[in-house]
Structures are given as C-alpha cells and as structure tokens.
Amino acid sequence: MIKKLGISALLVTALMLLVAQTVNFSQYINGLPTVSSIGSTDKLYINQGGSSRALLGAAFNPLAVGNGGTGSTAASGAALDNITGFSSTGAINRTGPGTYVVGALAVNAGGTGVTAGSGQGLDNVGGLGGTGAVQRTGAATYTAGTLPVGSGGTNCAAASGTCLDNISGLSTNGAVQRTGAGAYTAGTLPIASGGTGATAGSGTVLDNLSGLSSTGILTRTGPGAYSFLAIPLTVANGGTNCAAASGTCLDNISGLATTGALQRTGAGTYTAGILPVGSGGTNCAAASGTCLDNISGLATTGAVQRTGAGAYTAGTLPVASGGTGDTGTAWSAFTSGVSCGTATFTTNVARQKTIGKTVHVSFDFKINALGTCTNSMTFNLPATAQSVAAFAGRELAVSFKGAVCAFQAASTTASCIQDDISNFAAGSEIIGSGVYESQ
C-alpha cells in the first residue's frame, strides 16, 4: 500500500508500472519504499538521470562485488577474499593507496620477515650478524658473542678452567673452599672442611686427621676413639709378642710346643709332628723303605713299575719296561724234528728259554742208524729267526770234531756240519748251544 504522498507516491507508481508482476513494499526508509521480494527472473526498471536501468532479481541475492556487495550470503573469510581479490596466505600489509600484499609481515611493518618460526626471524628483528649469547648493551642496542661475567656469563668462548677463574675471581692454586656468602678461597683444604690441612702426602696428614701425638701401635678403642699399645704387640692384640723375627713368633701365635711338620687339622687348629700321607707327607720319622711303602701303598716285592696315572705295581719287570719278564722259571723243551737223510735219531736234549725276543737254545742229537745221512743234519728252531746266527758245538762220540749249526734270517731251521765237512757216522752225537734273535 502507498502510505505517503508526493515523491514517494510517484516513485511507487512508477515502480509498479515497470515491474512485470506485483511488487510488495514492506516498509519505507527515509521516505522511500523498499522491495521485500522480487522474482529471480523479473526485471526492475529504475529511471536514473533520464535513462532506465534494468536489474535482474538475482543481482540482489547476494549482491555482487561489482554492484557494491560482497558476493557472499553470510559473514565469512570468503567475503574478504571476494572484495580484496586475495588468494595467497599470510599477514595483510597496506603498501599504498588501494594496494595491499599478503605474506610474511616485513620488519618495518612490525613483523619478522619470515613465515615460520626460525632463528632467521630473530636475525631479522635484531639486525644481528654474529654468533653467541645475545646481550643488550644500551637502548635498542644488542650484540651477539661471548657473554661477560657482568652479564651473568663466563666470558669464555669454550669450556676451560679459565671460565671458573673468570666467574670466581680466584688466581691461587689449591682446593676451592667457600668461606662466606659469595666468598671463596683456593689453597690447602683444612680439616674442618673435610681436608687434611697438608699440601703433600706425609705422616703429618695422619697427625692432622687424628690429633694424635704419641708413638706406638695405633688401636681403635671405640667410635672416634684411638689409643697406642706397647711394643711388642701381644698376641691378644693381634701381634706376635716378638721384638724381632724368629721361630718364637710362630710359637707365640700357634701355641705349639712339639716339633715336626706343621699341619692344620681344623678351623684354627694346628699340630706339629710327623706329616701323614694324607697331608702330603710320608708318615715317616726317619728315612727308610717304609716311607716309600707309605706313599706308594705297595705291599708286594719286585721291580716297581708305573702302569698309569698315579698307578704303580711291584713285581717282575716286563721286557717293554726294560726288564726280562722272567720270574726265574726253568727252560722248556722244544720239538727239534732233527733229520739227516733217512737216519734215525735220539734227541737227548732240546731245550730253550725265551726272554723277550732273545732265544737261548741247548741241544744233544745222537744218530742211531745212519741210513742215507751224509754230512749235514737240520733241526727246528724254537722260534723263527729275525737275523742270521750260528750255534757252536762238537761231535763227542766218534770223531770228536768241532761242529757248527747256522741259519739265515727268517729261517725256522738250523743246519749242522762238522768242521771239515766230513760225513757223520752211526753213533755220531752232536751237542751245542747258542743264542739268537727271534721275530
């Protein structure tokens, strides 16, 4: 409805005539009607300066930046993006009339000149180029370098004893001691401060610590209490009661009065006497064969031989240990098998004794009937020969000539002839003996 006359009424009338559909005026502002709604495709014609201007309804919702709006239907950062045309991120800095930039805020604009936290930001705002601790030296004046003692530093560029000298003001050598508030000294640490009061190791150090001035053997008598004992120190006080080294000292501390080897028999218990085998002795009061019996445990007689670790025997010493292996047994007979052609023999003696590989032989062969026998007879050896050998003998019934029985290495028989190689006769009797090496 038209609520005012004059120019307002005329404007309303003009608007109603120009719009294709009914326009509702909800209120008046400063005497002018306002449009409450209009279709998105309807046109509104406004006469301005003698010319008509047509506006689409969509141009009002939202109002574009070109029409003086924000291009946004609600408050948001997008509205600022629309009216500024910004697309990058950062601080907004006005650089001139109608000119703005977005990014790192420069130092001259109150920023750091960097987009992320770093030491570069501190360099930019401080204008510092050196390295070290940062110190304010005056109004708006700062330096980077070694922090002096006056600013709470050490005035040292690297760790060293000089740093301690700088902050303490000390120049003498020795242990550092606090003597009062803010007061320190360097020198010999007194006993009251846990030192020795001495500048070099010596007995004086002990004197200082203990406060003792007497001489003698020091003993602790209680907490923090010490005294001196008389010399020589008695056994009861852990001494030997001896003024000089001697056997008496051992007697004093052991309480022994007997003589002999000293042996510990139990905790704190010792005896002196004959040292038994179980304690590494012989259990002998004087040298004798009994001492060997005691330590060896042997009771049989004969040569003593070690048969293994800690094992010994007494008896016949075998050939392998350098003995004969012979216990005194008699010689034994062997089968001679004596022959010479077709002669017949009586073997009176054919005996041997073997000790190791040494064979002793004794023989006596008599021809009964000569047959075809000529000048050589043979008989069996008790064992195969290892090397060449010969037995000496003689004929003792007919010719009484000398005879020899010889054989080669590896032989099992010996051949016997008379000295002149003459033929044997019926009744000839050859005797002989000898020694040879068997295999």
Protein backbone atom coordinates (compact mmCIF):
# COMPACT_ATOMS: atom_id res chain seq x y z
CA MET A 1 0.00 0.00 0.00
CA ILE A 2 1.04 3.56 -0.51
CA LYS A 3 1.41 5.25 2.81
CA LYS A 4 2.96 8.55 1.72
CA LEU A 5 2.13 11.00 -0.99
CA GLY A 6 4.34 13.23 -3.12
CA ILE A 7 7.57 11.93 -4.49
CA SER A 8 7.15 8.63 -2.64
CA ALA A 9 3.80 8.01 -4.26
CA LEU A 10 5.08 8.86 -7.63
CA LEU A 11 8.09 6.54 -7.26
CA VAL A 12 5.86 3.73 -6.14
CA THR A 13 3.55 4.25 -9.01
CA ALA A 14 6.48 4.23 -11.43
CA LEU A 15 7.88 1.04 -9.98
CA MET A 16 4.55 -0.76 -10.11
CA LEU A 17 4.15 0.18 -13.75
CA LEU A 18 7.58 -1.09 -14.73
CA VAL A 19 7.60 -4.46 -12.94
CA ALA A 20 6.05 -7.38 -14.73
CA GLN A 21 4.47 -8.65 -11.53
CA THR A 22 3.15 -7.22 -8.32
CA VAL A 23 5.80 -5.61 -6.16
CA ASN A 24 5.23 -5.56 -2.41
CA PHE A 25 6.61 -2.69 -0.41
CA SER A 26 7.13 -3.79 3.16
CA GLN A 27 8.37 -0.53 4.61
CA TYR A 28 9.67 2.92 3.90
CA ILE A 29 13.20 4.02 4.66
CA ASN A 30 13.83 7.76 4.60
CA GLY A 31 10.58 8.22 2.79
CA LEU A 32 11.40 5.71 0.05
CA PRO A 33 9.66 2.36 -0.41
CA THR A 34 11.71 -0.85 -0.13
CA VAL A 35 11.08 -4.05 -2.02
CA SER A 36 10.56 -7.09 0.17
CA SER A 37 10.70 -9.73 -2.57
CA ILE A 38 11.08 -9.96 -6.31
CA GLY A 39 11.42 -12.96 -8.59
CA SER A 40 14.82 -14.11 -9.73
CA THR A 41 13.83 -13.66 -13.41
CA ASP A 42 11.78 -10.49 -13.05
CA LYS A 43 13.17 -7.12 -14.07
CA LEU A 44 13.11 -3.94 -12.09
CA TYR A 45 13.48 -0.76 -14.09
CA ILE A 46 14.84 2.27 -12.34
CA ASN A 47 14.88 5.65 -14.04
CA GLN A 48 18.14 7.35 -13.11
CA GLY A 49 19.40 10.50 -14.78
CA GLY A 50 16.83 10.32 -17.54
CA SER A 51 17.75 6.76 -18.53
CA SER A 52 16.20 3.49 -17.49
CA ARG A 53 18.32 0.71 -15.92
CA ALA A 54 17.07 -2.85 -15.72
CA LEU A 55 18.19 -5.12 -12.87
CA LEU A 56 17.59 -8.84 -12.57
CA GLY A 57 16.29 -10.04 -9.28
CA ALA A 58 19.33 -12.37 -8.87
CA ALA A 59 21.61 -9.36 -8.65
CA PHE A 60 20.23 -8.64 -5.22
CA ASN A 61 20.89 -12.07 -3.59
CA PRO A 62 23.78 -11.96 -2.92
CA LEU A 63 24.82 -8.55 -4.16
CA ALA A 64 27.92 -8.91 -6.33
CA VAL A 65 31.12 -7.02 -5.59
CA GLY A 66 30.64 -5.14 -8.85
CA ASN A 67 27.34 -3.82 -7.54
CA GLY A 68 28.88 -2.75 -4.25
CA GLY A 69 28.27 -6.03 -2.39
CA THR A 70 30.49 -8.83 -1.03
CA GLY A 71 29.29 -11.68 -3.20
CA SER A 72 28.57 -13.67 -0.02
CA THR A 73 25.30 -14.63 1.61
CA ALA A 74 26.88 -14.87 5.09
CA ALA A 75 29.78 -13.41 7.08
CA SER A 76 32.98 -15.41 6.32
CA GLY A 77 36.56 -15.11 5.20
CA ALA A 78 35.27 -15.70 1.67
CA ALA A 79 33.60 -12.25 1.78
CA LEU A 80 37.05 -10.71 2.45
CA ASP A 81 38.59 -12.79 -0.34
CA ASN A 82 35.83 -11.54 -2.71
CA ILE A 83 36.26 -7.83 -2.00
CA THR A 84 40.11 -7.95 -1.83
CA GLY A 85 40.84 -10.41 -4.58
CA PHE A 86 43.44 -12.16 -2.33
CA SER A 87 44.31 -15.84 -2.91
CA SER A 88 47.64 -16.27 -1.00
CA THR A 89 48.03 -16.66 2.77
CA GLY A 90 49.78 -14.54 5.34
CA ALA A 91 49.65 -11.17 7.06
CA ILE A 92 47.88 -8.32 5.11
CA ASN A 93 50.12 -5.28 4.69
CA ARG A 94 48.95 -1.97 3.07
CA THR A 95 51.77 -0.76 0.88
CA GLY A 96 49.97 2.26 -0.65
CA PRO A 97 46.58 3.78 -1.56
CA GLY A 98 44.35 0.82 -2.52
CA THR A 99 47.40 -1.53 -2.56
CA TYR A 100 47.80 -4.48 -0.23
CA VAL A 101 50.06 -7.57 -0.14
CA VAL A 102 49.58 -10.92 1.66
CA GLY A 103 52.56 -12.93 3.06
CA ALA A 104 55.34 -12.59 5.66
CA LEU A 105 55.00 -9.32 7.53
CA ALA A 106 58.11 -7.23 6.97
CA VAL A 107 60.18 -5.98 9.90
CA ASN A 108 59.36 -2.33 9.06
CA ALA A 109 55.67 -3.28 9.35
CA GLY A 110 56.15 -4.77 12.80
CA GLY A 111 56.71 -8.37 11.60
CA THR A 112 59.66 -10.79 11.46
CA GLY A 113 60.02 -11.18 7.69
CA VAL A 114 59.59 -14.99 7.91
CA THR A 115 56.54 -17.23 7.52
CA ALA A 116 57.64 -19.87 10.06
CA GLY A 117 59.40 -19.87 13.43
CA SER A 118 63.19 -19.86 12.96
CA GLY A 119 66.37 -18.17 14.07
CA GLN A 120 66.14 -16.07 10.88
CA GLY A 121 63.21 -14.21 12.41
CA LEU A 122 65.39 -13.23 15.38
CA ASP A 123 68.17 -12.15 12.99
CA ASN A 124 65.70 -10.02 11.03
CA VAL A 125 64.20 -8.15 14.00
CA GLY A 126 67.50 -7.80 15.88
CA GLY A 127 69.71 -6.97 12.93
CA LEU A 128 72.32 -9.34 14.43
CA GLY A 129 75.00 -10.98 12.30
CA GLY A 130 77.43 -12.50 14.82
CA THR A 131 77.11 -15.72 16.86
CA GLY A 132 76.96 -16.28 20.61
CA ALA A 133 74.88 -15.08 23.54
CA VAL A 134 72.64 -12.04 22.79
CA GLN A 135 73.23 -9.13 25.20
CA ARG A 136 71.53 -5.72 25.46
CA THR A 137 74.23 -3.10 25.61
CA GLY A 138 72.05 0.01 25.54
CA ALA A 139 68.73 1.45 24.40
CA ALA A 140 67.72 -0.63 21.33
CA THR A 141 71.32 -1.90 21.09
CA TYR A 142 72.17 -5.62 21.18
CA THR A 143 75.27 -7.72 20.44
CA ALA A 144 75.90 -11.45 19.91
CA GLY A 145 79.09 -13.06 21.24
CA THR A 146 80.78 -14.20 24.46
CA LEU A 147 78.67 -13.23 27.47
CA PRO A 148 80.82 -11.37 30.03
CA VAL A 149 80.76 -12.10 33.74
CA GLY A 150 78.99 -8.80 34.36
CA SER A 151 76.02 -10.06 32.36
CA GLY A 152 75.87 -13.44 34.12
CA GLY A 153 78.20 -15.23 31.67
CA THR A 154 81.67 -16.74 31.95
CA ASN A 155 83.44 -14.59 29.33
CA CYS A 156 84.59 -17.88 27.78
CA ALA A 157 84.19 -18.94 24.17
CA ALA A 158 84.90 -22.59 25.09
CA ALA A 159 84.85 -24.76 28.25
CA SER A 160 88.09 -24.41 30.24
CA GLY A 161 89.41 -23.69 33.71
CA THR A 162 89.64 -20.04 32.62
CA CYS A 163 85.82 -19.92 32.81
CA LEU A 164 85.97 -20.83 36.52
CA ASP A 165 88.72 -18.26 37.07
CA ASN A 166 86.59 -15.60 35.40
CA ILE A 167 83.46 -16.19 37.47
CA SER A 168 85.26 -16.81 40.79
CA GLY A 169 87.99 -14.20 40.55
CA LEU A 170 90.45 -16.77 42.01
CA SER A 171 94.11 -16.75 40.97
CA THR A 172 95.78 -19.06 43.52
CA ASN A 173 96.03 -22.84 43.26
CA GLY A 174 94.51 -25.46 45.55
CA ALA A 175 91.15 -26.75 46.77
CA VAL A 176 88.31 -24.24 46.42
CA GLN A 177 86.51 -23.51 49.71
CA ARG A 178 83.53 -21.28 50.45
CA THR A 179 84.39 -19.05 53.37
CA GLY A 180 81.23 -16.93 53.42
CA ALA A 181 78.42 -15.50 51.35
CA GLY A 182 79.92 -15.01 47.90
CA ALA A 183 83.44 -15.56 49.28
CA TYR A 184 85.74 -18.39 48.12
CA THR A 185 89.44 -19.19 48.51
CA ALA A 186 91.80 -21.61 46.79
CA GLY A 187 94.54 -23.40 48.72
CA THR A 188 95.07 -26.16 51.31
CA LEU A 189 91.74 -27.57 52.49
CA PRO A 190 91.62 -27.54 56.29
CA ILE A 191 90.37 -30.48 58.36
CA ALA A 192 87.22 -28.57 59.28
CA SER A 193 86.25 -28.56 55.62
CA GLY A 194 86.99 -32.27 55.13
CA GLY A 195 90.60 -31.82 54.07
CA THR A 196 93.91 -32.83 55.63
CA GLY A 197 95.44 -29.40 56.17
CA ALA A 198 98.54 -30.62 54.31
CA THR A 199 99.94 -29.74 50.90
CA ALA A 200 101.66 -33.13 50.34
CA GLY A 201 101.25 -36.74 51.46
CA SER A 202 103.05 -37.45 54.75
CA GLY A 203 102.59 -38.75 58.26
CA THR A 204 101.66 -35.20 59.17
CA VAL A 205 98.40 -35.76 57.31
CA LEU A 206 97.50 -38.60 59.71
CA ASP A 207 98.54 -36.50 62.66
CA ASN A 208 96.27 -33.69 61.47
CA LEU A 209 93.34 -36.04 60.96
CA SER A 210 93.68 -37.99 64.22
CA GLY A 211 95.01 -35.31 66.52
CA LEU A 212 97.47 -37.89 67.90
CA SER A 213 100.97 -37.00 69.04
CA SER A 214 102.23 -40.19 70.80
CA THR A 215 104.20 -43.02 69.16
CA GLY A 216 103.47 -46.72 69.02
CA ILE A 217 100.89 -49.07 67.53
CA LEU A 218 97.54 -47.41 66.99
CA THR A 219 94.37 -49.26 68.01
CA ARG A 220 90.73 -48.22 67.75
CA THR A 221 89.01 -48.43 71.12
CA GLY A 222 85.57 -47.11 70.13
CA PRO A 223 83.70 -44.75 67.82
CA GLY A 224 86.12 -41.95 67.04
CA ALA A 225 88.46 -43.13 69.82
CA TYR A 226 92.04 -44.37 69.29
CA SER A 227 94.97 -45.16 71.60
CA PHE A 228 98.51 -46.54 71.43
CA LEU A 229 99.65 -50.05 72.52
CA ALA A 230 103.04 -51.08 73.85
CA ILE A 231 105.65 -52.74 71.61
CA PRO A 232 105.94 -55.66 71.03
CA LEU A 233 102.25 -56.11 70.37
CA THR A 234 100.85 -59.08 72.26
CA VAL A 235 99.14 -62.00 70.57
CA ALA A 236 95.86 -61.00 72.21
CA ASN A 237 96.09 -57.67 70.41
CA GLY A 238 96.86 -59.32 67.06
CA GLY A 239 100.64 -59.21 67.36
CA THR A 240 103.35 -61.86 67.72
CA ASN A 241 104.80 -60.66 71.05
CA CYS A 242 108.17 -60.65 69.29
CA ALA A 243 110.61 -57.78 69.05
CA ALA A 244 112.38 -59.44 66.10
CA ALA A 245 111.62 -62.14 63.56
CA SER A 246 112.24 -65.64 64.96
CA GLY A 247 110.66 -69.05 65.44
CA THR A 248 109.46 -67.80 68.81
CA CYS A 249 107.00 -65.58 66.95
CA LEU A 250 105.42 -68.66 65.35
CA ASP A 251 105.37 -70.45 68.69
CA ASN A 252 103.62 -67.48 70.24
CA ILE A 253 100.86 -67.22 67.67
CA SER A 254 100.37 -71.00 67.23
CA GLY A 255 100.69 -72.14 70.82
CA LEU A 256 102.66 -75.21 69.63
CA ALA A 257 105.40 -76.78 71.76
CA THR A 258 106.11 -80.06 69.91
CA THR A 259 108.45 -80.46 66.97
CA GLY A 260 107.74 -81.68 63.46
CA ALA A 261 105.85 -80.64 60.38
CA LEU A 262 103.10 -78.09 60.96
CA GLN A 263 99.66 -79.35 59.90
CA ARG A 264 96.25 -77.69 60.01
CA THR A 265 93.76 -80.18 61.44
CA GLY A 266 90.71 -77.94 61.59
CA ALA A 267 89.49 -74.38 61.91
CA GLY A 268 92.16 -72.59 63.94
CA THR A 269 93.70 -75.93 64.95
CA TYR A 270 97.28 -76.96 64.10
CA THR A 271 99.65 -79.73 65.19
CA ALA A 272 103.38 -80.26 64.84
CA GLY A 273 104.76 -83.77 64.22
CA ILE A 274 105.12 -86.43 61.54
CA LEU A 275 103.23 -85.32 58.44
CA PRO A 276 100.88 -88.10 57.31
CA VAL A 277 100.50 -89.21 53.71
CA GLY A 278 97.06 -87.62 53.60
CA SER A 279 98.66 -84.22 54.16
CA GLY A 280 101.38 -84.75 51.55
CA GLY A 281 103.93 -86.32 53.91
CA THR A 282 105.49 -89.79 54.22
CA ASN A 283 104.32 -90.60 57.74
CA CYS A 284 107.97 -91.46 58.49
CA ALA A 285 110.04 -90.16 61.33
CA ALA A 286 113.27 -91.24 59.54
CA ALA A 287 114.30 -92.20 56.03
CA SER A 288 113.54 -95.86 55.27
CA GLY A 289 111.85 -98.12 52.78
CA THR A 290 108.74 -97.80 54.92
CA CYS A 291 108.41 -94.20 53.66
CA LEU A 292 108.16 -95.49 50.07
CA ASP A 293 105.66 -98.13 51.15
CA ASN A 294 103.58 -95.47 52.85
CA ILE A 295 103.41 -93.10 49.90
CA SER A 296 103.04 -95.84 47.23
CA GLY A 297 100.67 -98.17 49.03
CA LEU A 298 102.70 -101.13 47.66
CA ALA A 299 102.94 -104.34 49.66
CA THR A 300 104.33 -106.83 47.12
CA THR A 301 108.01 -107.28 46.25
CA GLY A 302 109.80 -106.83 42.96
CA ALA A 303 110.61 -104.10 40.49
CA VAL A 304 108.38 -101.03 40.81
CA GLN A 305 106.66 -100.03 37.56
CA ARG A 306 104.29 -97.15 36.75
CA THR A 307 101.27 -98.56 34.94
CA GLY A 308 99.20 -95.38 34.61
CA ALA A 309 98.42 -92.01 36.18
CA GLY A 310 99.02 -92.50 39.90
CA ALA A 311 99.20 -96.30 39.46
CA TYR A 312 102.28 -98.40 40.36
CA THR A 313 102.97 -102.10 40.76
CA ALA A 314 105.84 -104.12 42.24
CA GLY A 315 106.87 -107.43 40.65
CA THR A 316 108.56 -108.83 37.55
CA LEU A 317 109.59 -106.04 35.18
CA PRO A 318 108.38 -106.82 31.66
CA VAL A 319 110.60 -106.54 28.59
CA ALA A 320 108.57 -103.49 27.43
CA SER A 321 109.70 -101.65 30.54
CA GLY A 322 113.34 -102.65 30.16
CA GLY A 323 113.15 -105.87 32.17
CA THR A 324 113.32 -109.53 31.15
CA GLY A 325 109.83 -110.52 32.10
CA ASP A 326 111.43 -113.63 33.63
CA THR A 327 110.35 -114.66 37.06
CA GLY A 328 113.07 -117.37 37.33
CA THR A 329 111.16 -120.16 35.56
CA ALA A 330 113.11 -123.17 34.16
CA TRP A 331 113.99 -123.75 30.49
CA SER A 332 111.42 -125.62 28.45
CA ALA A 333 111.66 -128.39 25.83
CA PHE A 334 111.01 -127.74 22.17
CA THR A 335 110.34 -130.16 19.30
CA SER A 336 113.59 -130.42 17.37
CA GLY A 337 112.47 -132.51 14.38
CA VAL A 338 116.18 -133.35 13.76
CA SER A 339 116.86 -135.12 10.43
CA CYS A 340 119.63 -136.22 8.03
CA GLY A 341 118.63 -138.32 5.06
CA THR A 342 116.96 -141.49 6.37
CA ALA A 343 118.96 -141.61 9.58
CA THR A 344 117.21 -142.23 12.87
CA PHE A 345 117.96 -140.07 15.93
CA THR A 346 117.65 -139.97 19.64
CA THR A 347 117.04 -136.44 20.97
CA ASN A 348 118.79 -136.34 24.30
CA VAL A 349 118.34 -132.59 24.82
CA ALA A 350 116.21 -129.94 23.01
CA ARG A 351 115.53 -127.08 25.42
CA GLN A 352 115.10 -123.31 25.15
CA LYS A 353 114.40 -120.18 27.22
CA THR A 354 112.98 -117.05 25.66
CA ILE A 355 113.40 -113.62 27.28
CA GLY A 356 111.67 -111.06 25.16
CA LYS A 357 112.98 -111.68 21.65
CA THR A 358 116.19 -113.31 22.84
CA VAL A 359 116.10 -117.12 22.50
CA HIS A 360 118.59 -119.35 24.30
CA VAL A 361 118.97 -122.89 22.82
CA SER A 362 120.70 -126.11 24.03
CA PHE A 363 120.65 -129.43 22.09
CA ASP A 364 122.09 -133.03 22.00
CA PHE A 365 121.23 -135.24 18.98
CA LYS A 366 122.56 -138.83 18.52
CA ILE A 367 122.45 -140.83 15.23
CA ASN A 368 121.19 -144.38 15.80
CA ALA A 369 121.08 -145.80 12.22
CA LEU A 370 122.96 -143.82 9.53
CA GLY A 371 120.78 -144.71 6.57
CA THR A 372 121.38 -142.20 3.71
CA CYS A 373 122.69 -139.44 6.02
CA THR A 374 125.89 -137.78 4.78
CA ASN A 375 127.44 -134.56 6.23
CA SER A 376 124.53 -132.22 7.09
CA MET A 377 121.73 -132.52 9.60
CA THR A 378 118.89 -129.99 10.36
CA PHE A 379 116.63 -129.29 13.34
CA ASN A 380 113.72 -126.93 14.07
CA LEU A 381 114.34 -123.60 15.82
CA PRO A 382 112.06 -122.78 18.80
CA ALA A 383 111.01 -119.57 17.00
CA THR A 384 111.53 -118.00 13.55
CA ALA A 385 114.86 -116.16 13.36
CA GLN A 386 114.92 -112.38 12.94
CA SER A 387 118.55 -112.32 11.76
CA VAL A 388 121.44 -114.63 10.78
CA ALA A 389 123.12 -116.60 13.62
CA ALA A 390 125.17 -119.75 14.41
CA PHE A 391 125.49 -122.17 17.33
CA ALA A 392 128.87 -123.68 18.36
CA GLY A 393 129.10 -127.44 19.08
CA ARG A 394 131.09 -130.66 18.60
CA GLU A 395 130.81 -134.37 17.93
CA LEU A 396 131.58 -136.20 21.19
CA ALA A 397 131.25 -139.93 20.41
CA VAL A 398 133.02 -140.81 17.13
CA SER A 399 135.19 -138.11 15.53
CA PHE A 400 135.28 -135.56 18.35
CA LYS A 401 135.43 -132.86 15.70
CA GLY A 402 134.09 -129.35 16.13
CA ALA A 403 130.62 -128.63 14.74
CA VAL A 404 128.60 -125.53 13.82
CA CYS A 405 124.84 -125.09 13.28
CA ALA A 406 123.95 -121.95 11.24
CA PHE A 407 120.81 -120.34 9.73
CA GLN A 408 119.71 -117.24 7.78
CA ALA A 409 117.21 -114.51 8.73
CA ALA A 410 113.58 -115.65 8.66
CA SER A 411 114.73 -119.30 8.96
CA THR A 412 112.78 -121.81 11.00
CA THR A 413 115.54 -124.47 10.96
CA ALA A 414 119.31 -124.67 11.58
CA SER A 415 121.82 -126.80 9.54
CA CYS A 416 124.72 -128.55 11.34
CA ILE A 417 128.07 -129.73 9.86
CA GLN A 418 131.42 -130.87 11.24
CA ASP A 419 134.41 -128.54 10.94
CA ASP A 420 135.91 -130.46 7.96
CA ILE A 421 132.51 -131.09 6.39
CA SER A 422 133.14 -134.87 6.72
CA ASN A 423 130.27 -137.31 6.81
CA PHE A 424 128.57 -138.28 10.01
CA ALA A 425 128.77 -141.92 11.17
CA ALA A 426 126.43 -144.22 13.02
CA GLY A 427 126.70 -143.34 16.71
CA SER A 428 127.74 -139.69 15.99
CA GLU A 429 126.43 -137.37 18.70
CA ILE A 430 126.28 -133.61 18.10
CA ILE A 431 125.92 -131.27 21.07
CA GLY A 432 125.80 -127.43 21.09
CA SER A 433 124.12 -124.27 22.37
CA GLY A 434 123.66 -120.64 21.38
CA VAL A 435 121.53 -117.50 21.40
CA TYR A 436 119.62 -115.79 18.56
CA GLU A 437 117.04 -113.06 17.94
CA SER A 438 113.53 -114.15 17.15
CA GLN A 439 110.97 -112.21 15.18
